[in-house]
Each structure stands twice: as C-alpha cells, then as structure tokens.
C-alpha atoms as a PDB file:
ATOM      1  CA  MET A   1       6.666   1.505   6.431  1.00  0.00           C
ATOM      2  CA  ARG A   2       5.454   2.513   3.004  1.00  0.00           C
ATOM      3  CA  PHE A   3       3.675   0.071   0.684  1.00  0.00           C
ATOM      4  CA  GLY A   4       6.408   0.017  -1.969  1.00  0.00           C
ATOM      5  CA  GLU A   5       9.199  -0.444   0.545  1.00  0.00           C
ATOM      6  CA  HIS A   6       7.329  -3.368   2.084  1.00  0.00           C
ATOM      7  CA  ILE A   7       6.805  -4.956  -1.333  1.00  0.00           C
ATOM      8  CA  ARG A   8      10.534  -4.660  -2.053  1.00  0.00           C
ATOM      9  CA  GLN A   9      11.461  -6.247   1.284  1.00  0.00           C
ATOM     10  CA  LEU A  10       9.077  -9.152   0.726  1.00  0.00           C
ATOM     11  CA  ARG A  11      10.333  -9.632  -2.845  1.00  0.00           C
ATOM     12  CA  GLU A  12      13.963  -9.623  -1.759  1.00  0.00           C
ATOM     13  CA  LYS A  13      13.219 -12.001   1.122  1.00  0.00           C
ATOM     14  CA  LYS A  14      11.827 -14.466  -1.443  1.00  0.00           C
ATOM     15  CA  ASN A  15      14.847 -13.877  -3.703  1.00  0.00           C
ATOM     16  CA  LEU A  16      12.566 -12.785  -6.537  1.00  0.00           C
ATOM     17  CA  LEU A  17      14.008 -10.556  -9.205  1.00  0.00           C
ATOM     18  CA  LEU A  18      12.132  -7.357  -9.907  1.00  0.00           C
ATOM     19  CA  ARG A  19      11.575  -8.389 -13.509  1.00  0.00           C
ATOM     20  CA  HIS A  20      10.076 -11.740 -12.467  1.00  0.00           C
ATOM     21  CA  LEU A  21       7.593 -10.134 -10.091  1.00  0.00           C
ATOM     22  CA  ALA A  22       6.697  -7.541 -12.718  1.00  0.00           C
ATOM     23  CA  SER A  23       6.175 -10.278 -15.290  1.00  0.00           C
ATOM     24  CA  ASP A  24       3.938 -12.259 -12.929  1.00  0.00           C
ATOM     25  CA  LEU A  25       1.862  -9.105 -12.414  1.00  0.00           C
ATOM     26  CA  ASP A  26       1.820  -8.361 -16.146  1.00  0.00           C
ATOM     27  CA  ILE A  27       3.395  -4.926 -15.721  1.00  0.00           C
ATOM     28  CA  ASP A  28       6.736  -3.694 -16.953  1.00  0.00           C
ATOM     29  CA  THR A  29       9.832  -3.747 -14.787  1.00  0.00           C
ATOM     30  CA  ALA A  30      10.199   0.038 -14.780  1.00  0.00           C
ATOM     31  CA  MET A  31       6.673   0.424 -13.393  1.00  0.00           C
ATOM     32  CA  MET A  32       7.334  -2.168 -10.672  1.00  0.00           C
ATOM     33  CA  SER A  33      10.536  -0.353  -9.740  1.00  0.00           C
ATOM     34  CA  LYS A  34       8.636   2.938  -9.420  1.00  0.00           C
ATOM     35  CA  ILE A  35       6.008   1.254  -7.236  1.00  0.00           C
ATOM     36  CA  GLU A  36       8.721  -0.055  -4.922  1.00  0.00           C
ATOM     37  CA  ARG A  37      10.258   3.429  -4.700  1.00  0.00           C
ATOM     38  CA  SER A  38       6.818   4.969  -4.018  1.00  0.00           C
ATOM     39  CA  GLU A  39       7.095   7.037  -7.184  1.00  0.00           C
ATOM     40  CA  ARG A  40       3.961   5.440  -8.674  1.00  0.00           C
ATOM     41  CA  LYS A  41       0.894   3.884  -7.118  1.00  0.00           C
ATOM     42  CA  ALA A  42       0.106   0.260  -7.729  1.00  0.00           C
ATOM     43  CA  LYS A  43      -3.359  -0.488  -8.994  1.00  0.00           C
ATOM     44  CA  ARG A  44      -5.498  -1.662  -6.111  1.00  0.00           C
ATOM     45  CA  GLU A  45      -6.483  -4.727  -8.138  1.00  0.00           C
ATOM     46  CA  LEU A  46      -2.879  -5.965  -7.902  1.00  0.00           C
ATOM     47  CA  ILE A  47      -3.007  -6.364  -4.117  1.00  0.00           C
ATOM     48  CA  PRO A  48      -4.471  -9.902  -3.990  1.00  0.00           C
ATOM     49  CA  GLN A  49      -2.033 -11.083  -6.648  1.00  0.00           C
ATOM     50  CA  LEU A  50       0.904  -9.439  -4.849  1.00  0.00           C
ATOM     51  CA  ALA A  51      -0.158 -11.037  -1.568  1.00  0.00           C
ATOM     52  CA  LYS A  52      -0.226 -14.457  -3.179  1.00  0.00           C
ATOM     53  CA  LEU A  53       3.104 -14.039  -4.975  1.00  0.00           C
ATOM     54  CA  LEU A  54       4.826 -12.681  -1.864  1.00  0.00           C
ATOM     55  CA  ASN A  55       3.192 -15.048   0.650  1.00  0.00           C
ATOM     56  CA  THR A  56       1.615 -12.331   2.759  1.00  0.00           C
ATOM     57  CA  SER A  57      -1.912 -11.339   3.677  1.00  0.00           C
ATOM     58  CA  VAL A  58      -4.155  -9.216   1.524  1.00  0.00           C
ATOM     59  CA  THR A  59      -5.179  -7.306   4.663  1.00  0.00           C
ATOM     60  CA  GLU A  60      -1.575  -6.353   5.427  1.00  0.00           C
ATOM     61  CA  LEU A  61      -1.000  -5.029   1.919  1.00  0.00           C
ATOM     62  CA  GLN A  62      -4.364  -3.247   1.790  1.00  0.00           C
ATOM     63  CA  THR A  63      -3.598  -1.520   5.084  1.00  0.00           C
ATOM     64  CA  LEU A  64      -0.249  -0.220   3.843  1.00  0.00           C
ATOM     65  CA  TYR A  65      -1.741   0.697   0.478  1.00  0.00           C
ATOM     66  CA  MET A  66      -4.522   2.753   2.067  1.00  0.00           C
ATOM     67  CA  ALA A  67      -2.112   4.343   4.550  1.00  0.00           C
ATOM     68  CA  ASP A  68      -0.032   5.540   1.595  1.00  0.00           C
ATOM     69  CA  GLN A  69      -3.164   7.021   0.007  1.00  0.00           C
ATOM     70  CA  ILE A  70      -3.976   8.932   3.195  1.00  0.00           C
ATOM     71  CA  ILE A  71      -0.388  10.141   3.580  1.00  0.00           C
ATOM     72  CA  GLU A  72      -0.384  11.436   0.029  1.00  0.00           C
ATOM     73  CA  LEU A  73      -3.682  13.222   0.615  1.00  0.00           C
ATOM     74  CA  ILE A  74      -2.759  15.043   3.836  1.00  0.00           C
ATOM     75  CA  ASP A  75       1.037  15.215   3.819  1.00  0.00           C
ATOM     76  CA  ASP A  76       1.215  18.830   2.653  1.00  0.00           C
ATOM     77  CA  GLU A  77      -1.433  20.069   5.074  1.00  0.00           C
ATOM     78  CA  GLU A  78      -0.446  22.167   8.078  1.00  0.00           C
ATOM     79  CA  ASN A  79      -2.221  19.897  10.544  1.00  0.00           C
ATOM     80  CA  PRO A  80      -2.090  16.279   9.346  1.00  0.00           C
ATOM     81  CA  GLN A  81      -2.380  14.832  12.857  1.00  0.00           C
ATOM     82  CA  ASP A  82      -5.511  16.883  13.570  1.00  0.00           C
ATOM     83  CA  ILE A  83      -7.008  15.636  10.311  1.00  0.00           C
ATOM     84  CA  LEU A  84      -6.274  12.025  11.246  1.00  0.00           C
ATOM     85  CA  ASN A  85      -7.723  12.523  14.714  1.00  0.00           C
ATOM     86  CA  ALA A  86     -10.924  14.043  13.307  1.00  0.00           C
ATOM     87  CA  ALA A  87     -11.250  11.188  10.816  1.00  0.00           C
ATOM     88  CA  GLU A  88     -10.720   8.584  13.537  1.00  0.00           C
ATOM     89  CA  LYS A  89     -13.361  10.232  15.701  1.00  0.00           C
ATOM     90  CA  GLU A  90     -15.841  10.198  12.813  1.00  0.00           C
ATOM     91  CA  ILE A  91     -15.096   6.561  12.023  1.00  0.00           C
ATOM     92  CA  ASN A  92     -15.716   5.620  15.651  1.00  0.00           C
ATOM     93  CA  GLN A  93     -19.071   7.459  15.590  1.00  0.00           C
ATOM     94  CA  ILE A  94     -20.073   5.659  12.408  1.00  0.00           C
ATOM     95  CA  LYS A  95     -19.152   2.306  13.949  1.00  0.00           C
ATOM     96  CA  LYS A  96     -21.314   3.078  17.002  1.00  0.00           C
ATOM     97  CA  GLN A  97     -24.262   3.910  14.761  1.00  0.00           C
ATOM     98  CA  ASP A  98     -23.820   0.676  12.795  1.00  0.00           C
ATOM     99  CA  SER A  99     -23.743  -1.448  15.966  1.00  0.00           C
END
C-alpha cells in the first residue's frame, strides 16, 4: 500500500474531512489531496504529526513513506527487484559490521 492511500484510509476511518486534516497540518487542502493520491510527496517532517492526528505509529508511516521513495527511484529501471536484492544484501553486510 502506498503512503498516500494509507493516509486516506486512516483519515476516512476517523471520519476526518480532508480540509480538517490539511488545516491541522497547516497545508492547503489541494496539497493534502495530492499527497493522498500520490501525486505529491509529503514533507518528512509531517510524519510525526500525521501519526498523532491519525492515531497510528510513526514507524508505520515512515516505513510506507520510505518505501514510496524507493519505488519512485527504481520504478523505471529494467531490474528493480535485482536492485532491491543488492541493496538488502549490502544492508545486511553493514549490520554485521556494526554488530
């Protein structure tokens, strides 16, 4: 699930209007709508505030937010799965070194 779609589902579950959430975040309604449709990226600084307003964890939102960033970065590549596998392998090596 994409970050924006998840935000919309959480907002609707709480029966919050788009304009109310946007106002609480101090952004305009059009921008919030674009974030929910994955047409614009939310500022990373909004994640803790979104988590609080939508009664969810910061970690959950950060995970989806970062996943969207990775998807955007590699989506047009010929071998996105190979890229992800190579990155995962490197992350695991780094973790071993840090242990």
